[in-house]
Structure formats: structure tokens, C-alpha cells
Amino acid sequence: MSKRPLTTISRRALIAGAALLPLTARAQSASPRIVAFGDSLTAGYGLAKGYGLVPQLQNWLAAQGTPATIVNRGLSGDTTLGGRVRIGLALRGGADAVIVELGGNDMLLGWEPERAEANLDSILSTAGAGGRPVLLVGIHAPGRRQDWRRRWAAIWPRLAQRHGTLLLPDLYAPLAQLPRPMRGDYLLADGIHPSAKGVGLLVPHLGPQVQALIARIGQRA
């Protein structure tokens, strides 16, 4: 097959395409891929598409001028043990940073915090491999067993310090600050999971820590 000479238009197209390559690379680097790894709170249990934690967080970041692609790897009903098994698979598509939100189902099952801590230890080691930035998201333990609740509260800062991760000690803190009679609109009928309105309350609480996570990606580069 004979080779045709490049026309003026073809040359211009090639030059324009080459000029766009650095822009494309910059656009990709400006929008890091963050894996949100968690349970039903991350997955958006009971909420219509677009109203869960991940899409509302994505919209909040965009409104703040912080571009990012948040990949939802939440699994309803998951425990820290289940997360320990699937964290490697969740990261196979690549991740510039990871948000780890697990432990709520362990609490509901009455598991001891030390058991969850061992599982989270393994999860954070995998998530943070190679210096990848990680944000650990904790949650307060329910119930009236004060000693058990204190032991649960203690694992989050201990894990964050051990692994050098960012920490949000209690995702539900904004809901807990509301008077009990006002909480109904912010929760689903089960009284556990946040409604779309409830997620809207949690996201501004979580968002600044995710911005700090994204900043760590830049520092790593």
C-alpha cells in the first residue's frame, strides 16, 4: 500500500492533538480517583440514585472546586471481616486514595472492638500500601454499655496514628448533635441509616477531611 503525503489539514490535526496531550494529563491529575470502601452507609442503602453518600460527596467537592472521582465500593451489610477479605479486589481498578468506613455492622452484631481493630489493621495496611493516602471514618457505638462504647471510640485514633491516616472519628456526629425529636427527617424508617436529608447533613462534616485526603495525593506526587 502506498503512503499518501500528509495534507496541511492532517498536519494541523496532528499538531493540535499533540498539544492537547499535556492538557489531558493535567485534567486527569486534577481529578484523582478515590475509592470509598465501606458498608451500607457508603453504598447508599435505601436511597434513590444520586442521593447516597458518594454522589452527594462528589457534588459537594465539585461545588467547593475540588475535582475528584469517587468510586463507590460500599457493600450493604459488610463487616470489618468482610472488608478484610475484599479490600484487595476493591482496589484492582486503581486508586489514588482510599476512604475506609466500616465497623457499624460489627457494632450491631455486638462484636468486640478489638476484633474489628485487627480487621481494620489489615484493611488499612492494604489500602495504604506504597504510601497511598487513606482517610479512616469512624462511627460512634450505640447502646448503653459505656465501657464497650469507650473501647470502640478508642480504636479509631489508635488505628489512625498507627497507620498515619487521616481520621474522622464519628461520621454521625452532626446527627447526634440534633435533639432526638428532630432526628426523624434525617433517618430512614429503620432509625439507623441516614435519609437523603441526613446524608446532606453528613457530607459537609466529611467533605473537609476528603479535601485534606486529596491534598495528600498532591504531596505524594
C-alpha atoms as a PDB file:
ATOM      1  CA  MET A   1       0.000   0.000   0.000  1.00  0.00           C
ATOM      2  CA  SER A   2       1.409   3.392  -0.991  1.00  0.00           C
ATOM      3  CA  LYS A   3       1.852   6.074   1.642  1.00  0.00           C
ATOM      4  CA  ARG A   4      -0.022   9.295   0.965  1.00  0.00           C
ATOM      5  CA  PRO A   5       1.657  12.569   1.895  1.00  0.00           C
ATOM      6  CA  LEU A   6       0.160  14.427   4.824  1.00  0.00           C
ATOM      7  CA  THR A   7      -2.140  17.223   3.815  1.00  0.00           C
ATOM      8  CA  THR A   8      -1.983  20.627   5.503  1.00  0.00           C
ATOM      9  CA  ILE A   9      -5.192  19.799   7.370  1.00  0.00           C
ATOM     10  CA  SER A  10      -3.765  16.463   8.559  1.00  0.00           C
ATOM     11  CA  ARG A  11      -0.593  18.120   9.815  1.00  0.00           C
ATOM     12  CA  ARG A  12      -2.629  20.693  11.698  1.00  0.00           C
ATOM     13  CA  ALA A  13      -4.764  17.963  13.255  1.00  0.00           C
ATOM     14  CA  LEU A  14      -1.695  16.078  14.447  1.00  0.00           C
ATOM     15  CA  ILE A  15      -0.155  19.224  15.919  1.00  0.00           C
ATOM     16  CA  ALA A  16      -3.423  20.102  17.679  1.00  0.00           C
ATOM     17  CA  GLY A  17      -3.734  16.568  19.029  1.00  0.00           C
ATOM     18  CA  ALA A  18      -0.197  16.623  20.370  1.00  0.00           C
ATOM     19  CA  ALA A  19      -0.842  19.961  22.027  1.00  0.00           C
ATOM     20  CA  LEU A  20      -3.860  18.538  23.827  1.00  0.00           C
ATOM     21  CA  LEU A  21      -1.941  15.654  25.388  1.00  0.00           C
ATOM     22  CA  PRO A  22      -0.448  17.703  28.243  1.00  0.00           C
ATOM     23  CA  LEU A  23      -3.877  19.208  28.905  1.00  0.00           C
ATOM     24  CA  THR A  24      -5.397  15.757  29.121  1.00  0.00           C
ATOM     25  CA  ALA A  25      -2.716  14.627  31.552  1.00  0.00           C
ATOM     26  CA  ARG A  26      -3.284  17.707  33.676  1.00  0.00           C
ATOM     27  CA  ALA A  27      -7.053  17.149  33.654  1.00  0.00           C
ATOM     28  CA  GLN A  28      -6.565  13.563  34.814  1.00  0.00           C
ATOM     29  CA  SER A  29      -4.147  14.558  37.553  1.00  0.00           C
ATOM     30  CA  ALA A  30      -6.587  17.262  38.673  1.00  0.00           C
ATOM     31  CA  SER A  31      -9.312  14.653  39.159  1.00  0.00           C
ATOM     32  CA  PRO A  32      -7.878  11.898  41.367  1.00  0.00           C
ATOM     33  CA  ARG A  33      -9.592   8.536  41.712  1.00  0.00           C
ATOM     34  CA  ILE A  34     -10.714   7.920  45.286  1.00  0.00           C
ATOM     35  CA  VAL A  35     -12.150   4.565  46.344  1.00  0.00           C
ATOM     36  CA  ALA A  36     -14.854   4.856  49.005  1.00  0.00           C
ATOM     37  CA  PHE A  37     -14.691   1.495  50.761  1.00  0.00           C
ATOM     38  CA  GLY A  38     -17.377   0.753  53.297  1.00  0.00           C
ATOM     39  CA  ASP A  39     -20.736  -0.714  54.225  1.00  0.00           C
ATOM     40  CA  SER A  40     -24.329   0.402  53.629  1.00  0.00           C
ATOM     41  CA  LEU A  41     -23.542   3.994  54.672  1.00  0.00           C
ATOM     42  CA  THR A  42     -21.108   4.221  51.773  1.00  0.00           C
ATOM     43  CA  ALA A  43     -23.277   2.148  49.432  1.00  0.00           C
ATOM     44  CA  GLY A  44     -26.279   4.467  49.873  1.00  0.00           C
ATOM     45  CA  TYR A  45     -28.673   1.901  51.318  1.00  0.00           C
ATOM     46  CA  GLY A  46     -32.354   2.759  50.877  1.00  0.00           C
ATOM     47  CA  LEU A  47     -31.728   5.911  48.851  1.00  0.00           C
ATOM     48  CA  ALA A  48     -32.558   6.769  45.259  1.00  0.00           C
ATOM     49  CA  LYS A  49     -29.717   7.010  42.772  1.00  0.00           C
ATOM     50  CA  GLY A  50     -27.830  10.255  43.217  1.00  0.00           C
ATOM     51  CA  TYR A  51     -28.804  10.784  46.858  1.00  0.00           C
ATOM     52  CA  GLY A  52     -26.362   8.475  48.631  1.00  0.00           C
ATOM     53  CA  LEU A  53     -23.166   9.458  50.394  1.00  0.00           C
ATOM     54  CA  VAL A  54     -20.869   9.050  47.397  1.00  0.00           C
ATOM     55  CA  PRO A  55     -22.840  11.124  44.845  1.00  0.00           C
ATOM     56  CA  GLN A  56     -23.626  13.846  47.375  1.00  0.00           C
ATOM     57  CA  LEU A  57     -19.960  13.963  48.398  1.00  0.00           C
ATOM     58  CA  GLN A  58     -18.937  14.156  44.742  1.00  0.00           C
ATOM     59  CA  ASN A  59     -21.306  17.100  44.216  1.00  0.00           C
ATOM     60  CA  TRP A  60     -20.080  18.828  47.385  1.00  0.00           C
ATOM     61  CA  LEU A  61     -16.459  18.546  46.282  1.00  0.00           C
ATOM     62  CA  ALA A  62     -17.319  19.915  42.840  1.00  0.00           C
ATOM     63  CA  ALA A  63     -19.129  22.875  44.427  1.00  0.00           C
ATOM     64  CA  GLN A  64     -16.013  23.528  46.521  1.00  0.00           C
ATOM     65  CA  GLY A  65     -13.810  23.494  43.436  1.00  0.00           C
ATOM     66  CA  THR A  66     -12.144  20.219  44.417  1.00  0.00           C
ATOM     67  CA  PRO A  67     -12.471  17.849  41.444  1.00  0.00           C
ATOM     68  CA  ALA A  68     -12.326  14.139  42.218  1.00  0.00           C
ATOM     69  CA  THR A  69     -13.788  10.870  41.005  1.00  0.00           C
ATOM     70  CA  ILE A  70     -15.281   8.964  43.932  1.00  0.00           C
ATOM     71  CA  VAL A  71     -15.672   5.254  43.199  1.00  0.00           C
ATOM     72  CA  ASN A  72     -18.348   3.558  45.306  1.00  0.00           C
ATOM     73  CA  ARG A  73     -17.106   0.308  46.816  1.00  0.00           C
ATOM     74  CA  GLY A  74     -19.696   0.164  49.577  1.00  0.00           C
ATOM     75  CA  LEU A  75     -21.429  -3.136  50.362  1.00  0.00           C
ATOM     76  CA  SER A  76     -24.557  -3.180  52.494  1.00  0.00           C
ATOM     77  CA  GLY A  77     -24.267  -5.472  55.498  1.00  0.00           C
ATOM     78  CA  ASP A  78     -20.484  -5.687  55.285  1.00  0.00           C
ATOM     79  CA  THR A  79     -18.402  -6.079  58.429  1.00  0.00           C
ATOM     80  CA  THR A  80     -14.744  -5.372  59.030  1.00  0.00           C
ATOM     81  CA  LEU A  81     -14.126  -9.103  58.492  1.00  0.00           C
ATOM     82  CA  GLY A  82     -15.818  -8.966  55.095  1.00  0.00           C
ATOM     83  CA  GLY A  83     -13.901  -5.815  54.264  1.00  0.00           C
ATOM     84  CA  ARG A  84     -10.639  -7.535  55.130  1.00  0.00           C
ATOM     85  CA  VAL A  85     -11.457 -10.196  52.529  1.00  0.00           C
ATOM     86  CA  ARG A  86     -12.488  -7.865  49.708  1.00  0.00           C
ATOM     87  CA  ILE A  87     -10.214  -4.816  50.062  1.00  0.00           C
ATOM     88  CA  GLY A  88      -7.717  -6.148  47.507  1.00  0.00           C
ATOM     89  CA  LEU A  89     -10.436  -6.679  44.920  1.00  0.00           C
ATOM     90  CA  ALA A  90     -11.887  -3.220  45.578  1.00  0.00           C
ATOM     91  CA  LEU A  91      -8.558  -1.617  44.687  1.00  0.00           C
ATOM     92  CA  ARG A  92      -7.915  -3.551  41.488  1.00  0.00           C
ATOM     93  CA  GLY A  93      -9.192  -0.727  39.306  1.00  0.00           C
ATOM     94  CA  GLY A  94      -6.603   1.582  40.811  1.00  0.00           C
ATOM     95  CA  ALA A  95      -6.904   4.262  43.476  1.00  0.00           C
ATOM     96  CA  ASP A  96      -5.033   7.454  44.253  1.00  0.00           C
ATOM     97  CA  ALA A  97      -6.520   7.459  47.756  1.00  0.00           C
ATOM     98  CA  VAL A  98      -8.962   5.428  49.851  1.00  0.00           C
ATOM     99  CA  ILE A  99     -11.752   6.250  52.290  1.00  0.00           C
ATOM    100  CA  VAL A 100     -12.346   3.392  54.756  1.00  0.00           C
ATOM    101  CA  GLU A 101     -15.740   3.374  56.520  1.00  0.00           C
ATOM    102  CA  LEU A 102     -16.508   0.126  58.318  1.00  0.00           C
ATOM    103  CA  GLY A 103     -17.472  -1.056  61.787  1.00  0.00           C
ATOM    104  CA  GLY A 104     -21.154  -0.190  62.120  1.00  0.00           C
ATOM    105  CA  ASN A 105     -22.345  -3.720  61.415  1.00  0.00           C
ATOM    106  CA  ASP A 106     -19.763  -5.144  63.798  1.00  0.00           C
ATOM    107  CA  MET A 107     -21.334  -2.975  66.492  1.00  0.00           C
ATOM    108  CA  LEU A 108     -24.858  -4.075  65.616  1.00  0.00           C
ATOM    109  CA  LEU A 109     -23.703  -7.692  65.878  1.00  0.00           C
ATOM    110  CA  GLY A 110     -22.241  -6.986  69.301  1.00  0.00           C
ATOM    111  CA  TRP A 111     -18.664  -7.749  68.253  1.00  0.00           C
ATOM    112  CA  GLU A 112     -15.813  -6.686  70.469  1.00  0.00           C
ATOM    113  CA  PRO A 113     -13.888  -3.626  69.215  1.00  0.00           C
ATOM    114  CA  GLU A 114     -10.563  -5.463  69.423  1.00  0.00           C
ATOM    115  CA  ARG A 115     -11.799  -7.910  66.789  1.00  0.00           C
ATOM    116  CA  ALA A 116     -12.747  -5.041  64.476  1.00  0.00           C
ATOM    117  CA  GLU A 117      -9.425  -3.324  65.157  1.00  0.00           C
ATOM    118  CA  ALA A 118      -7.479  -6.376  63.963  1.00  0.00           C
ATOM    119  CA  ASN A 119      -9.526  -6.473  60.749  1.00  0.00           C
ATOM    120  CA  LEU A 120      -9.186  -2.736  60.173  1.00  0.00           C
ATOM    121  CA  ASP A 121      -5.459  -3.057  60.792  1.00  0.00           C
ATOM    122  CA  SER A 122      -5.230  -5.405  57.821  1.00  0.00           C
ATOM    123  CA  ILE A 123      -7.555  -3.263  55.676  1.00  0.00           C
ATOM    124  CA  LEU A 124      -5.569  -0.092  56.326  1.00  0.00           C
ATOM    125  CA  SER A 125      -2.280  -1.848  55.576  1.00  0.00           C
ATOM    126  CA  THR A 126      -3.598  -2.878  52.165  1.00  0.00           C
ATOM    127  CA  ALA A 127      -5.320   0.437  51.463  1.00  0.00           C
ATOM    128  CA  GLY A 128      -2.225   2.450  52.354  1.00  0.00           C
ATOM    129  CA  ALA A 129       0.303   0.241  50.584  1.00  0.00           C
ATOM    130  CA  GLY A 130       3.008   2.178  48.788  1.00  0.00           C
ATOM    131  CA  GLY A 131       2.217   5.354  50.681  1.00  0.00           C
ATOM    132  CA  ARG A 132      -1.297   5.726  49.272  1.00  0.00           C
ATOM    133  CA  PRO A 133      -3.245   8.325  51.332  1.00  0.00           C
ATOM    134  CA  VAL A 134      -6.110   6.947  53.440  1.00  0.00           C
ATOM    135  CA  LEU A 135      -8.948   8.511  55.393  1.00  0.00           C
ATOM    136  CA  LEU A 136     -10.381   6.389  58.220  1.00  0.00           C
ATOM    137  CA  VAL A 137     -14.010   7.170  59.035  1.00  0.00           C
ATOM    138  CA  GLY A 138     -15.265   6.049  62.438  1.00  0.00           C
ATOM    139  CA  ILE A 139     -18.729   5.924  63.912  1.00  0.00           C
ATOM    140  CA  HIS A 140     -19.988   6.047  67.496  1.00  0.00           C
ATOM    141  CA  ALA A 141     -21.063   2.802  69.105  1.00  0.00           C
ATOM    142  CA  PRO A 142     -24.760   2.566  70.045  1.00  0.00           C
ATOM    143  CA  GLY A 143     -26.197   1.147  73.251  1.00  0.00           C
ATOM    144  CA  ARG A 144     -25.844   1.761  76.966  1.00  0.00           C
ATOM    145  CA  ARG A 145     -22.723  -0.292  77.688  1.00  0.00           C
ATOM    146  CA  GLN A 146     -20.452   2.638  78.393  1.00  0.00           C
ATOM    147  CA  ASP A 147     -17.239   0.651  78.732  1.00  0.00           C
ATOM    148  CA  TRP A 148     -17.891  -1.123  75.410  1.00  0.00           C
ATOM    149  CA  ARG A 149     -18.627   2.213  73.744  1.00  0.00           C
ATOM    150  CA  ARG A 150     -15.448   3.762  75.144  1.00  0.00           C
ATOM    151  CA  ARG A 151     -13.397   0.851  73.844  1.00  0.00           C
ATOM    152  CA  TRP A 152     -14.923   1.295  70.412  1.00  0.00           C
ATOM    153  CA  ALA A 153     -14.236   5.037  70.452  1.00  0.00           C
ATOM    154  CA  ALA A 154     -10.603   4.360  71.297  1.00  0.00           C
ATOM    155  CA  ILE A 155      -9.823   2.215  68.250  1.00  0.00           C
ATOM    156  CA  TRP A 156     -10.238   4.975  65.643  1.00  0.00           C
ATOM    157  CA  PRO A 157      -7.478   7.358  66.803  1.00  0.00           C
ATOM    158  CA  ARG A 158      -5.240   4.409  67.657  1.00  0.00           C
ATOM    159  CA  LEU A 159      -5.560   2.963  64.149  1.00  0.00           C
ATOM    160  CA  ALA A 160      -5.109   6.361  62.501  1.00  0.00           C
ATOM    161  CA  GLN A 161      -1.921   7.003  64.457  1.00  0.00           C
ATOM    162  CA  ARG A 162      -0.568   3.529  63.777  1.00  0.00           C
ATOM    163  CA  HIS A 163      -1.096   3.799  60.022  1.00  0.00           C
ATOM    164  CA  GLY A 164      -0.590   7.541  59.578  1.00  0.00           C
ATOM    165  CA  THR A 165      -4.051   8.037  58.108  1.00  0.00           C
ATOM    166  CA  LEU A 166      -6.384  10.981  58.266  1.00  0.00           C
ATOM    167  CA  LEU A 167      -9.268  10.480  60.687  1.00  0.00           C
ATOM    168  CA  LEU A 168     -12.906  11.454  61.015  1.00  0.00           C
ATOM    169  CA  PRO A 169     -13.730   9.945  64.440  1.00  0.00           C
ATOM    170  CA  ASP A 170     -17.520   9.947  64.082  1.00  0.00           C
ATOM    171  CA  LEU A 171     -19.371  10.240  60.779  1.00  0.00           C
ATOM    172  CA  TYR A 172     -22.695  10.546  62.639  1.00  0.00           C
ATOM    173  CA  ALA A 173     -21.622  13.431  64.885  1.00  0.00           C
ATOM    174  CA  PRO A 174     -23.893  16.009  63.153  1.00  0.00           C
ATOM    175  CA  LEU A 175     -26.909  13.712  63.625  1.00  0.00           C
ATOM    176  CA  ALA A 176     -26.028  13.042  67.251  1.00  0.00           C
ATOM    177  CA  GLN A 177     -25.986  16.784  67.922  1.00  0.00           C
ATOM    178  CA  LEU A 178     -29.616  17.144  66.856  1.00  0.00           C
ATOM    179  CA  PRO A 179     -32.308  16.931  69.538  1.00  0.00           C
ATOM    180  CA  ARG A 180     -33.919  13.489  69.380  1.00  0.00           C
ATOM    181  CA  PRO A 181     -37.353  14.798  68.287  1.00  0.00           C
ATOM    182  CA  MET A 182     -35.698  16.394  65.238  1.00  0.00           C
ATOM    183  CA  ARG A 183     -33.801  13.338  64.018  1.00  0.00           C
ATOM    184  CA  GLY A 184     -36.730  11.625  62.283  1.00  0.00           C
ATOM    185  CA  ASP A 185     -36.418  13.517  58.995  1.00  0.00           C
ATOM    186  CA  TYR A 186     -32.708  12.742  58.844  1.00  0.00           C
ATOM    187  CA  LEU A 187     -33.051   8.972  59.192  1.00  0.00           C
ATOM    188  CA  LEU A 188     -34.798   6.210  57.280  1.00  0.00           C
ATOM    189  CA  ALA A 189     -37.625   4.260  58.911  1.00  0.00           C
ATOM    190  CA  ASP A 190     -35.111   1.809  60.428  1.00  0.00           C
ATOM    191  CA  GLY A 191     -33.744   4.620  62.594  1.00  0.00           C
ATOM    192  CA  ILE A 192     -30.184   3.676  61.627  1.00  0.00           C
ATOM    193  CA  HIS A 193     -29.427   4.733  58.080  1.00  0.00           C
ATOM    194  CA  PRO A 194     -29.471   8.390  57.040  1.00  0.00           C
ATOM    195  CA  SER A 195     -32.149   9.676  54.695  1.00  0.00           C
ATOM    196  CA  ALA A 196     -31.149  11.821  51.714  1.00  0.00           C
ATOM    197  CA  LYS A 197     -31.581  14.820  54.001  1.00  0.00           C
ATOM    198  CA  GLY A 198     -29.439  13.125  56.617  1.00  0.00           C
ATOM    199  CA  VAL A 199     -26.681  12.454  54.086  1.00  0.00           C
ATOM    200  CA  GLY A 200     -26.866  16.138  53.204  1.00  0.00           C
ATOM    201  CA  LEU A 201     -26.051  16.867  56.834  1.00  0.00           C
ATOM    202  CA  LEU A 202     -23.160  14.391  56.987  1.00  0.00           C
ATOM    203  CA  VAL A 203     -21.402  15.410  53.770  1.00  0.00           C
ATOM    204  CA  PRO A 204     -20.231  18.894  54.904  1.00  0.00           C
ATOM    205  CA  HIS A 205     -18.865  17.165  58.010  1.00  0.00           C
ATOM    206  CA  LEU A 206     -16.967  14.585  55.944  1.00  0.00           C
ATOM    207  CA  GLY A 207     -16.053  16.786  52.988  1.00  0.00           C
ATOM    208  CA  PRO A 208     -13.187  18.829  54.500  1.00  0.00           C
ATOM    209  CA  GLN A 209     -11.394  15.635  55.519  1.00  0.00           C
ATOM    210  CA  VAL A 210     -11.761  14.325  51.960  1.00  0.00           C
ATOM    211  CA  GLN A 211     -10.274  17.592  50.721  1.00  0.00           C
ATOM    212  CA  ALA A 212      -7.344  17.022  53.079  1.00  0.00           C
ATOM    213  CA  LEU A 213      -7.045  13.494  51.652  1.00  0.00           C
ATOM    214  CA  ILE A 214      -6.882  14.877  48.122  1.00  0.00           C
ATOM    215  CA  ALA A 215      -4.223  17.361  49.235  1.00  0.00           C
ATOM    216  CA  ARG A 216      -2.124  14.431  50.424  1.00  0.00           C
ATOM    217  CA  ILE A 217      -2.262  12.960  46.928  1.00  0.00           C
ATOM    218  CA  GLY A 218      -0.625  16.136  45.632  1.00  0.00           C
ATOM    219  CA  GLN A 219       2.026  15.983  48.348  1.00  0.00           C
ATOM    220  CA  ARG A 220       2.776  12.373  47.462  1.00  0.00           C
ATOM    221  CA  ALA A 221       3.289  13.294  43.790  1.00  0.00           C
END
